[in-house]
Protein backbone atom coordinates (compact mmCIF):
# COMPACT_ATOMS: atom_id res chain seq x y z
CA UNK A 1 0.00 0.00 0.00
CA UNK A 2 2.95 2.34 0.64
CA UNK A 3 3.94 2.48 -3.03
CA UNK A 4 0.46 3.78 -3.97
CA UNK A 5 0.87 6.69 -1.57
CA UNK A 6 4.34 7.38 -2.95
CA UNK A 7 3.08 7.45 -6.53
CA UNK A 8 0.08 9.60 -5.59
CA UNK A 9 2.34 11.93 -3.60
CA UNK A 10 4.82 12.17 -6.46
CA UNK A 11 2.05 13.01 -8.90
CA UNK A 12 0.67 15.70 -6.58
CA UNK A 13 4.15 17.15 -6.11
CA UNK A 14 4.73 17.21 -9.88
CA UNK A 15 1.42 18.99 -10.53
CA UNK A 16 2.24 21.38 -7.69
CA UNK A 17 5.64 22.11 -9.20
CA UNK A 18 4.04 22.79 -12.57
CA UNK A 19 1.72 25.31 -10.90
CA UNK A 20 4.33 26.89 -8.63
CA UNK A 21 6.52 29.85 -9.66
CA UNK A 22 9.76 28.09 -8.70
CA UNK A 23 11.29 28.38 -12.13
CA UNK A 24 10.80 30.96 -14.84
CA UNK A 25 9.49 28.50 -17.41
CA UNK A 26 6.70 27.26 -15.11
CA UNK A 27 5.37 30.78 -14.87
CA UNK A 28 5.79 31.55 -18.55
CA UNK A 29 4.37 28.26 -19.81
CA UNK A 30 1.77 27.32 -17.17
CA UNK A 31 0.78 30.04 -14.68
CA UNK A 32 0.61 33.11 -16.94
CA UNK A 33 -1.49 31.33 -19.59
CA UNK A 34 -3.85 29.87 -16.96
CA UNK A 35 -4.23 33.25 -15.23
CA UNK A 36 -4.75 35.01 -18.57
CA UNK A 37 -7.33 32.43 -19.70
CA UNK A 38 -9.15 32.86 -16.40
CA UNK A 39 -9.07 36.64 -16.84
CA UNK A 40 -10.33 36.41 -20.43
CA UNK A 41 -13.31 34.37 -19.23
CA UNK A 42 -14.02 36.83 -16.44
CA UNK A 43 -13.47 39.79 -18.80
CA UNK A 44 -15.88 38.27 -21.28
CA UNK A 45 -18.58 38.36 -18.60
CA UNK A 46 -17.54 41.66 -16.97
CA UNK A 47 -14.81 43.56 -18.84
CA UNK A 48 -13.69 45.89 -15.97
CA UNK A 49 -12.78 42.82 -13.91
CA UNK A 50 -10.08 41.69 -16.37
CA UNK A 51 -7.06 43.10 -14.51
CA UNK A 52 -8.09 41.89 -11.04
CA UNK A 53 -8.94 38.51 -12.55
CA UNK A 54 -5.40 38.12 -13.93
CA UNK A 55 -4.00 38.72 -10.45
CA UNK A 56 -6.53 36.44 -8.74
CA UNK A 57 -6.02 33.68 -11.31
CA UNK A 58 -2.26 33.94 -10.94
CA UNK A 59 -2.49 33.81 -7.15
CA UNK A 60 -4.73 30.80 -7.28
CA UNK A 61 -2.31 28.85 -9.48
CA UNK A 62 0.70 29.76 -7.32
CA UNK A 63 -0.81 29.05 -3.94
CA UNK A 64 -2.41 25.84 -5.16
CA UNK A 65 0.94 24.81 -6.64
CA UNK A 66 2.81 25.35 -3.38
CA UNK A 67 0.18 23.50 -1.37
CA UNK A 68 0.12 20.53 -3.77
CA UNK A 69 3.91 20.40 -3.87
CA UNK A 70 4.23 20.39 -0.09
CA UNK A 71 1.47 17.84 0.45
CA UNK A 72 2.61 15.62 -2.42
CA UNK A 73 6.26 15.74 -1.39
CA UNK A 74 5.38 14.85 2.18
CA UNK A 75 3.22 11.98 1.03
CA UNK A 76 5.83 10.66 -1.42
CA UNK A 77 8.74 10.86 1.00
CA UNK A 78 6.91 9.79 4.16
CA UNK A 79 3.75 7.95 3.15
CA UNK A 80 3.10 6.58 6.63
CA UNK A 81 3.46 9.90 8.44
CA UNK A 82 0.68 12.45 7.89
CA UNK A 83 1.99 16.03 7.83
CA UNK A 84 0.09 19.24 8.30
CA UNK A 85 0.60 22.32 6.14
CA UNK A 86 1.79 24.81 8.76
CA UNK A 87 0.97 28.51 8.99
CA UNK A 88 4.67 29.30 8.54
CA UNK A 89 4.82 27.34 5.27
CA UNK A 90 1.65 29.04 4.08
CA UNK A 91 3.08 32.50 4.95
CA UNK A 92 6.28 31.74 3.01
CA UNK A 93 4.29 30.58 0.00
CA UNK A 94 2.12 33.69 0.22
CA UNK A 95 5.16 36.01 0.28
CA UNK A 96 6.65 34.36 -2.78
CA UNK A 97 3.32 34.71 -4.56
CA UNK A 98 3.21 38.40 -3.59
CA UNK A 99 6.54 38.99 -5.33
CA UNK A 100 5.36 37.36 -8.51
CA UNK A 101 2.05 39.22 -8.27
CA UNK A 102 3.93 42.50 -8.32
CA UNK A 103 5.43 41.40 -11.65
CA UNK A 104 1.94 40.61 -13.01
CA UNK A 105 0.63 44.02 -11.92
CA UNK A 106 3.52 45.74 -13.69
CA UNK A 107 2.82 43.74 -16.87
CA UNK A 108 -0.81 44.85 -16.68
CA UNK A 109 0.04 48.50 -16.08
CA UNK A 110 2.48 48.59 -19.02
CA UNK A 111 -0.20 46.95 -21.23
CA UNK A 112 1.84 43.82 -21.91
CA UNK A 113 -1.19 41.80 -20.71
CA UNK A 114 -4.62 43.00 -21.83
CA UNK A 115 -8.05 41.69 -22.90
CA UNK A 116 -8.14 39.79 -26.20
CA UNK A 117 -10.09 42.52 -28.03
CA UNK A 118 -7.31 45.03 -27.24
CA UNK A 119 -4.69 42.92 -29.05
CA UNK A 120 -6.60 43.28 -32.34
CA UNK A 121 -6.52 47.11 -32.35
C-alpha atoms as a PDB file:
ATOM      1  CA  UNK A   1       0.000   0.000   0.000  1.00  0.00           C
ATOM      2  CA  UNK A   2       2.951   2.339   0.640  1.00  0.00           C
ATOM      3  CA  UNK A   3       3.936   2.477  -3.033  1.00  0.00           C
ATOM      4  CA  UNK A   4       0.461   3.777  -3.974  1.00  0.00           C
ATOM      5  CA  UNK A   5       0.871   6.693  -1.569  1.00  0.00           C
ATOM      6  CA  UNK A   6       4.344   7.385  -2.946  1.00  0.00           C
ATOM      7  CA  UNK A   7       3.079   7.453  -6.530  1.00  0.00           C
ATOM      8  CA  UNK A   8       0.083   9.599  -5.589  1.00  0.00           C
ATOM      9  CA  UNK A   9       2.344  11.934  -3.604  1.00  0.00           C
ATOM     10  CA  UNK A  10       4.821  12.174  -6.462  1.00  0.00           C
ATOM     11  CA  UNK A  11       2.051  13.008  -8.902  1.00  0.00           C
ATOM     12  CA  UNK A  12       0.672  15.696  -6.581  1.00  0.00           C
ATOM     13  CA  UNK A  13       4.152  17.149  -6.112  1.00  0.00           C
ATOM     14  CA  UNK A  14       4.726  17.210  -9.883  1.00  0.00           C
ATOM     15  CA  UNK A  15       1.415  18.986 -10.532  1.00  0.00           C
ATOM     16  CA  UNK A  16       2.237  21.377  -7.690  1.00  0.00           C
ATOM     17  CA  UNK A  17       5.644  22.112  -9.196  1.00  0.00           C
ATOM     18  CA  UNK A  18       4.037  22.786 -12.570  1.00  0.00           C
ATOM     19  CA  UNK A  19       1.716  25.314 -10.904  1.00  0.00           C
ATOM     20  CA  UNK A  20       4.335  26.886  -8.631  1.00  0.00           C
ATOM     21  CA  UNK A  21       6.516  29.847  -9.655  1.00  0.00           C
ATOM     22  CA  UNK A  22       9.763  28.094  -8.698  1.00  0.00           C
ATOM     23  CA  UNK A  23      11.287  28.382 -12.131  1.00  0.00           C
ATOM     24  CA  UNK A  24      10.799  30.961 -14.843  1.00  0.00           C
ATOM     25  CA  UNK A  25       9.488  28.502 -17.414  1.00  0.00           C
ATOM     26  CA  UNK A  26       6.702  27.258 -15.106  1.00  0.00           C
ATOM     27  CA  UNK A  27       5.367  30.781 -14.870  1.00  0.00           C
ATOM     28  CA  UNK A  28       5.790  31.550 -18.551  1.00  0.00           C
ATOM     29  CA  UNK A  29       4.369  28.262 -19.814  1.00  0.00           C
ATOM     30  CA  UNK A  30       1.770  27.323 -17.172  1.00  0.00           C
ATOM     31  CA  UNK A  31       0.783  30.038 -14.681  1.00  0.00           C
ATOM     32  CA  UNK A  32       0.610  33.108 -16.938  1.00  0.00           C
ATOM     33  CA  UNK A  33      -1.494  31.332 -19.585  1.00  0.00           C
ATOM     34  CA  UNK A  34      -3.848  29.868 -16.957  1.00  0.00           C
ATOM     35  CA  UNK A  35      -4.231  33.248 -15.235  1.00  0.00           C
ATOM     36  CA  UNK A  36      -4.747  35.005 -18.571  1.00  0.00           C
ATOM     37  CA  UNK A  37      -7.329  32.427 -19.705  1.00  0.00           C
ATOM     38  CA  UNK A  38      -9.149  32.856 -16.400  1.00  0.00           C
ATOM     39  CA  UNK A  39      -9.073  36.644 -16.845  1.00  0.00           C
ATOM     40  CA  UNK A  40     -10.332  36.408 -20.428  1.00  0.00           C
ATOM     41  CA  UNK A  41     -13.306  34.367 -19.230  1.00  0.00           C
ATOM     42  CA  UNK A  42     -14.021  36.835 -16.438  1.00  0.00           C
ATOM     43  CA  UNK A  43     -13.466  39.790 -18.803  1.00  0.00           C
ATOM     44  CA  UNK A  44     -15.876  38.273 -21.281  1.00  0.00           C
ATOM     45  CA  UNK A  45     -18.576  38.359 -18.604  1.00  0.00           C
ATOM     46  CA  UNK A  46     -17.538  41.660 -16.974  1.00  0.00           C
ATOM     47  CA  UNK A  47     -14.805  43.562 -18.842  1.00  0.00           C
ATOM     48  CA  UNK A  48     -13.693  45.887 -15.968  1.00  0.00           C
ATOM     49  CA  UNK A  49     -12.783  42.816 -13.912  1.00  0.00           C
ATOM     50  CA  UNK A  50     -10.083  41.688 -16.371  1.00  0.00           C
ATOM     51  CA  UNK A  51      -7.065  43.102 -14.506  1.00  0.00           C
ATOM     52  CA  UNK A  52      -8.088  41.889 -11.041  1.00  0.00           C
ATOM     53  CA  UNK A  53      -8.940  38.506 -12.554  1.00  0.00           C
ATOM     54  CA  UNK A  54      -5.401  38.119 -13.933  1.00  0.00           C
ATOM     55  CA  UNK A  55      -3.997  38.722 -10.452  1.00  0.00           C
ATOM     56  CA  UNK A  56      -6.529  36.437  -8.742  1.00  0.00           C
ATOM     57  CA  UNK A  57      -6.015  33.682 -11.310  1.00  0.00           C
ATOM     58  CA  UNK A  58      -2.258  33.940 -10.935  1.00  0.00           C
ATOM     59  CA  UNK A  59      -2.487  33.812  -7.152  1.00  0.00           C
ATOM     60  CA  UNK A  60      -4.734  30.796  -7.284  1.00  0.00           C
ATOM     61  CA  UNK A  61      -2.310  28.847  -9.481  1.00  0.00           C
ATOM     62  CA  UNK A  62       0.697  29.763  -7.324  1.00  0.00           C
ATOM     63  CA  UNK A  63      -0.806  29.052  -3.936  1.00  0.00           C
ATOM     64  CA  UNK A  64      -2.410  25.843  -5.163  1.00  0.00           C
ATOM     65  CA  UNK A  65       0.942  24.814  -6.642  1.00  0.00           C
ATOM     66  CA  UNK A  66       2.811  25.354  -3.378  1.00  0.00           C
ATOM     67  CA  UNK A  67       0.185  23.500  -1.367  1.00  0.00           C
ATOM     68  CA  UNK A  68       0.124  20.534  -3.766  1.00  0.00           C
ATOM     69  CA  UNK A  69       3.908  20.404  -3.869  1.00  0.00           C
ATOM     70  CA  UNK A  70       4.233  20.386  -0.086  1.00  0.00           C
ATOM     71  CA  UNK A  71       1.469  17.835   0.449  1.00  0.00           C
ATOM     72  CA  UNK A  72       2.610  15.620  -2.422  1.00  0.00           C
ATOM     73  CA  UNK A  73       6.256  15.742  -1.394  1.00  0.00           C
ATOM     74  CA  UNK A  74       5.382  14.850   2.177  1.00  0.00           C
ATOM     75  CA  UNK A  75       3.223  11.976   1.025  1.00  0.00           C
ATOM     76  CA  UNK A  76       5.828  10.659  -1.422  1.00  0.00           C
ATOM     77  CA  UNK A  77       8.741  10.855   1.005  1.00  0.00           C
ATOM     78  CA  UNK A  78       6.908   9.790   4.156  1.00  0.00           C
ATOM     79  CA  UNK A  79       3.748   7.947   3.145  1.00  0.00           C
ATOM     80  CA  UNK A  80       3.103   6.576   6.634  1.00  0.00           C
ATOM     81  CA  UNK A  81       3.456   9.895   8.440  1.00  0.00           C
ATOM     82  CA  UNK A  82       0.678  12.450   7.887  1.00  0.00           C
ATOM     83  CA  UNK A  83       1.993  16.026   7.829  1.00  0.00           C
ATOM     84  CA  UNK A  84       0.085  19.241   8.301  1.00  0.00           C
ATOM     85  CA  UNK A  85       0.602  22.321   6.138  1.00  0.00           C
ATOM     86  CA  UNK A  86       1.789  24.813   8.758  1.00  0.00           C
ATOM     87  CA  UNK A  87       0.970  28.506   8.994  1.00  0.00           C
ATOM     88  CA  UNK A  88       4.670  29.300   8.538  1.00  0.00           C
ATOM     89  CA  UNK A  89       4.822  27.335   5.274  1.00  0.00           C
ATOM     90  CA  UNK A  90       1.653  29.038   4.077  1.00  0.00           C
ATOM     91  CA  UNK A  91       3.080  32.497   4.949  1.00  0.00           C
ATOM     92  CA  UNK A  92       6.277  31.738   3.007  1.00  0.00           C
ATOM     93  CA  UNK A  93       4.288  30.582  -0.001  1.00  0.00           C
ATOM     94  CA  UNK A  94       2.122  33.687   0.218  1.00  0.00           C
ATOM     95  CA  UNK A  95       5.157  36.013   0.280  1.00  0.00           C
ATOM     96  CA  UNK A  96       6.652  34.355  -2.783  1.00  0.00           C
ATOM     97  CA  UNK A  97       3.317  34.708  -4.557  1.00  0.00           C
ATOM     98  CA  UNK A  98       3.209  38.401  -3.593  1.00  0.00           C
ATOM     99  CA  UNK A  99       6.535  38.987  -5.330  1.00  0.00           C
ATOM    100  CA  UNK A 100       5.357  37.361  -8.514  1.00  0.00           C
ATOM    101  CA  UNK A 101       2.048  39.215  -8.270  1.00  0.00           C
ATOM    102  CA  UNK A 102       3.933  42.500  -8.318  1.00  0.00           C
ATOM    103  CA  UNK A 103       5.429  41.401 -11.651  1.00  0.00           C
ATOM    104  CA  UNK A 104       1.942  40.612 -13.010  1.00  0.00           C
ATOM    105  CA  UNK A 105       0.627  44.019 -11.919  1.00  0.00           C
ATOM    106  CA  UNK A 106       3.522  45.738 -13.692  1.00  0.00           C
ATOM    107  CA  UNK A 107       2.824  43.737 -16.868  1.00  0.00           C
ATOM    108  CA  UNK A 108      -0.806  44.852 -16.676  1.00  0.00           C
ATOM    109  CA  UNK A 109       0.043  48.503 -16.079  1.00  0.00           C
ATOM    110  CA  UNK A 110       2.480  48.589 -19.019  1.00  0.00           C
ATOM    111  CA  UNK A 111      -0.201  46.954 -21.233  1.00  0.00           C
ATOM    112  CA  UNK A 112       1.838  43.820 -21.907  1.00  0.00           C
ATOM    113  CA  UNK A 113      -1.186  41.803 -20.712  1.00  0.00           C
ATOM    114  CA  UNK A 114      -4.624  42.996 -21.834  1.00  0.00           C
ATOM    115  CA  UNK A 115      -8.045  41.691 -22.901  1.00  0.00           C
ATOM    116  CA  UNK A 116      -8.140  39.790 -26.198  1.00  0.00           C
ATOM    117  CA  UNK A 117     -10.086  42.516 -28.028  1.00  0.00           C
ATOM    118  CA  UNK A 118      -7.313  45.028 -27.237  1.00  0.00           C
ATOM    119  CA  UNK A 119      -4.689  42.920 -29.048  1.00  0.00           C
ATOM    120  CA  UNK A 120      -6.598  43.276 -32.336  1.00  0.00           C
ATOM    121  CA  UNK A 121      -6.516  47.108 -32.354  1.00  0.00           C
END
